[in-house]
Every structure is written in C-alpha cells, then in structure tokens.
C-alpha atoms as a PDB file:
ATOM      1  CA  MET A   1     -46.413  38.429  26.103  1.00  0.00           C
ATOM      2  CA  LEU A   2     -43.754  36.481  24.243  1.00  0.00           C
ATOM      3  CA  ARG A   3     -43.182  32.755  23.976  1.00  0.00           C
ATOM      4  CA  ILE A   4     -39.982  31.257  22.556  1.00  0.00           C
ATOM      5  CA  THR A   5     -39.857  27.535  21.848  1.00  0.00           C
ATOM      6  CA  GLN A   6     -36.928  25.538  20.482  1.00  0.00           C
ATOM      7  CA  VAL A   7     -38.256  23.435  17.610  1.00  0.00           C
ATOM      8  CA  ILE A   8     -35.107  22.237  15.832  1.00  0.00           C
ATOM      9  CA  SER A   9     -31.526  21.943  16.992  1.00  0.00           C
ATOM     10  CA  THR A  10     -28.535  20.577  15.126  1.00  0.00           C
ATOM     11  CA  ALA A  11     -24.818  21.042  15.621  1.00  0.00           C
ATOM     12  CA  SER A  12     -24.873  24.172  13.462  1.00  0.00           C
ATOM     13  CA  LEU A  13     -28.454  25.547  13.633  1.00  0.00           C
ATOM     14  CA  VAL A  14     -31.271  26.108  16.085  1.00  0.00           C
ATOM     15  CA  THR A  15     -34.779  27.120  15.054  1.00  0.00           C
ATOM     16  CA  LEU A  16     -36.819  29.020  17.604  1.00  0.00           C
ATOM     17  CA  LYS A  17     -40.563  29.504  17.234  1.00  0.00           C
ATOM     18  CA  VAL A  18     -41.451  32.997  18.433  1.00  0.00           C
ATOM     19  CA  GLU A  19     -45.053  33.768  19.398  1.00  0.00           C
ATOM     20  CA  GLY A  20     -46.666  36.994  20.539  1.00  0.00           C
ATOM     21  CA  ARG A  21     -45.367  40.541  20.668  1.00  0.00           C
ATOM     22  CA  ILE A  22     -41.745  41.644  20.371  1.00  0.00           C
ATOM     23  CA  ALA A  23     -42.048  44.867  22.321  1.00  0.00           C
ATOM     24  CA  ALA A  24     -40.790  46.600  25.461  1.00  0.00           C
ATOM     25  CA  GLU A  25     -39.273  44.171  27.975  1.00  0.00           C
ATOM     26  CA  TRP A  26     -39.711  41.189  25.639  1.00  0.00           C
ATOM     27  CA  VAL A  27     -37.074  42.555  23.238  1.00  0.00           C
ATOM     28  CA  GLU A  28     -34.346  41.863  25.790  1.00  0.00           C
ATOM     29  CA  VAL A  29     -35.686  38.352  26.385  1.00  0.00           C
ATOM     30  CA  LEU A  30     -35.450  37.508  22.679  1.00  0.00           C
ATOM     31  CA  GLU A  31     -32.010  39.083  22.380  1.00  0.00           C
ATOM     32  CA  ARG A  32     -30.668  37.038  25.317  1.00  0.00           C
ATOM     33  CA  GLU A  33     -32.073  33.851  23.819  1.00  0.00           C
ATOM     34  CA  CYS A  34     -30.434  34.550  20.442  1.00  0.00           C
ATOM     35  CA  LEU A  35     -27.108  35.363  22.083  1.00  0.00           C
ATOM     36  CA  ARG A  36     -27.273  32.203  24.188  1.00  0.00           C
ATOM     37  CA  TRP A  37     -27.513  30.040  21.061  1.00  0.00           C
ATOM     38  CA  LEU A  38     -24.977  32.072  19.085  1.00  0.00           C
ATOM     39  CA  GLU A  39     -22.467  31.525  21.891  1.00  0.00           C
ATOM     40  CA  THR A  40     -22.752  27.770  21.254  1.00  0.00           C
ATOM     41  CA  GLY A  41     -21.602  28.322  17.671  1.00  0.00           C
ATOM     42  CA  ARG A  42     -25.012  27.746  16.118  1.00  0.00           C
ATOM     43  CA  ARG A  43     -26.850  29.918  13.631  1.00  0.00           C
ATOM     44  CA  VAL A  44     -30.349  30.929  14.736  1.00  0.00           C
ATOM     45  CA  ASP A  45     -33.522  30.820  12.638  1.00  0.00           C
ATOM     46  CA  LEU A  46     -36.423  32.707  14.213  1.00  0.00           C
ATOM     47  CA  ASP A  47     -39.812  31.450  13.020  1.00  0.00           C
ATOM     48  CA  PHE A  48     -42.046  34.535  13.164  1.00  0.00           C
ATOM     49  CA  ALA A  49     -45.239  32.885  11.844  1.00  0.00           C
ATOM     50  CA  GLU A  50     -47.001  33.637  15.156  1.00  0.00           C
ATOM     51  CA  VAL A  51     -45.524  37.081  15.851  1.00  0.00           C
ATOM     52  CA  SER A  52     -48.337  39.631  15.955  1.00  0.00           C
ATOM     53  CA  THR A  53     -46.339  42.839  16.305  1.00  0.00           C
ATOM     54  CA  ILE A  54     -42.851  44.228  16.738  1.00  0.00           C
ATOM     55  CA  ASP A  55     -41.935  47.661  18.052  1.00  0.00           C
ATOM     56  CA  HIS A  56     -39.045  49.925  17.053  1.00  0.00           C
ATOM     57  CA  SER A  57     -36.745  48.554  19.789  1.00  0.00           C
ATOM     58  CA  GLY A  58     -37.374  45.009  18.529  1.00  0.00           C
ATOM     59  CA  VAL A  59     -36.601  46.034  14.964  1.00  0.00           C
ATOM     60  CA  ALA A  60     -33.397  47.775  16.079  1.00  0.00           C
ATOM     61  CA  MET A  61     -32.277  44.735  18.088  1.00  0.00           C
ATOM     62  CA  LEU A  62     -32.845  42.322  15.205  1.00  0.00           C
ATOM     63  CA  ARG A  63     -31.033  44.589  12.752  1.00  0.00           C
ATOM     64  CA  ARG A  64     -27.908  44.405  14.956  1.00  0.00           C
ATOM     65  CA  PHE A  65     -27.563  40.676  14.310  1.00  0.00           C
ATOM     66  CA  PRO A  66     -25.751  39.732  11.095  1.00  0.00           C
ATOM     67  CA  GLY A  67     -28.176  38.029   8.690  1.00  0.00           C
ATOM     68  CA  ARG A  68     -25.825  35.117   8.246  1.00  0.00           C
ATOM     69  CA  LEU A  69     -26.137  34.321  11.983  1.00  0.00           C
ATOM     70  CA  VAL A  70     -29.769  35.179  12.776  1.00  0.00           C
ATOM     71  CA  LYS A  71     -32.397  34.672  10.091  1.00  0.00           C
ATOM     72  CA  ILE A  72     -36.097  35.567  10.287  1.00  0.00           C
ATOM     73  CA  VAL A  73     -38.406  33.051   8.597  1.00  0.00           C
ATOM     74  CA  ASN A  74     -42.191  32.936   8.068  1.00  0.00           C
ATOM     75  CA  ALA A  75     -42.732  36.584   9.041  1.00  0.00           C
ATOM     76  CA  ALA A  76     -45.847  38.449   7.992  1.00  0.00           C
ATOM     77  CA  PRO A  77     -45.176  40.842   5.100  1.00  0.00           C
ATOM     78  CA  PHE A  78     -45.542  43.946   7.271  1.00  0.00           C
ATOM     79  CA  ILE A  79     -42.954  42.601   9.745  1.00  0.00           C
ATOM     80  CA  SER A  80     -40.577  41.656   6.944  1.00  0.00           C
ATOM     81  CA  ALA A  81     -40.895  45.183   5.560  1.00  0.00           C
ATOM     82  CA  LEU A  82     -39.982  46.668   8.945  1.00  0.00           C
ATOM     83  CA  LEU A  83     -36.853  44.541   9.182  1.00  0.00           C
ATOM     84  CA  VAL A  84     -35.430  45.605   5.813  1.00  0.00           C
ATOM     85  CA  GLN A  85     -32.493  47.966   6.299  1.00  0.00           C
ATOM     86  CA  PRO A  86     -33.359  51.509   5.116  1.00  0.00           C
END
C-alpha cells in the first residue's frame, strides 16, 4: 500500500509525504502524482521518512526525474543508496 499526502504547497514547490511501499502498481501512482505537480510548474519534494521499501521499478522511475525537479528528502540510508546513479 502507498499513501501520498500533500503537506506543503507554494507557487514553486510542493512537498508530498510518501508512506508505505513503492512497488509494483504503486510506482505508477507515484509517477502520475509527480507528473501532475510538475505540469503546474512546481518542483516536487518527496518526503520518504515513512517509506519502508522500494523495488527496482520504483528506483528506475525516480531516476528518470531530473534531480532539480524531483528531490527525495528524509529517506532511510538504504533507500538513498539505491537511488544513487551507478
């Protein structure tokens, strides 16, 4: 299960709190939510403090977003390590 909650929104930035697992069908849900906010001209910060796991499709999806537009914050060290480009 995945929960995405908008916690901060300004004219240039939205912060989304992401909770649960970023895996399987939930990857597409998170991608659509990011794209929805990017289309409004905002940058997106994803607060991963409550993300328990991320699978390879989630990692691949997040790597496709330029870091200047989508930023991961508060991720567990093992998730941060997965998201580093090889």
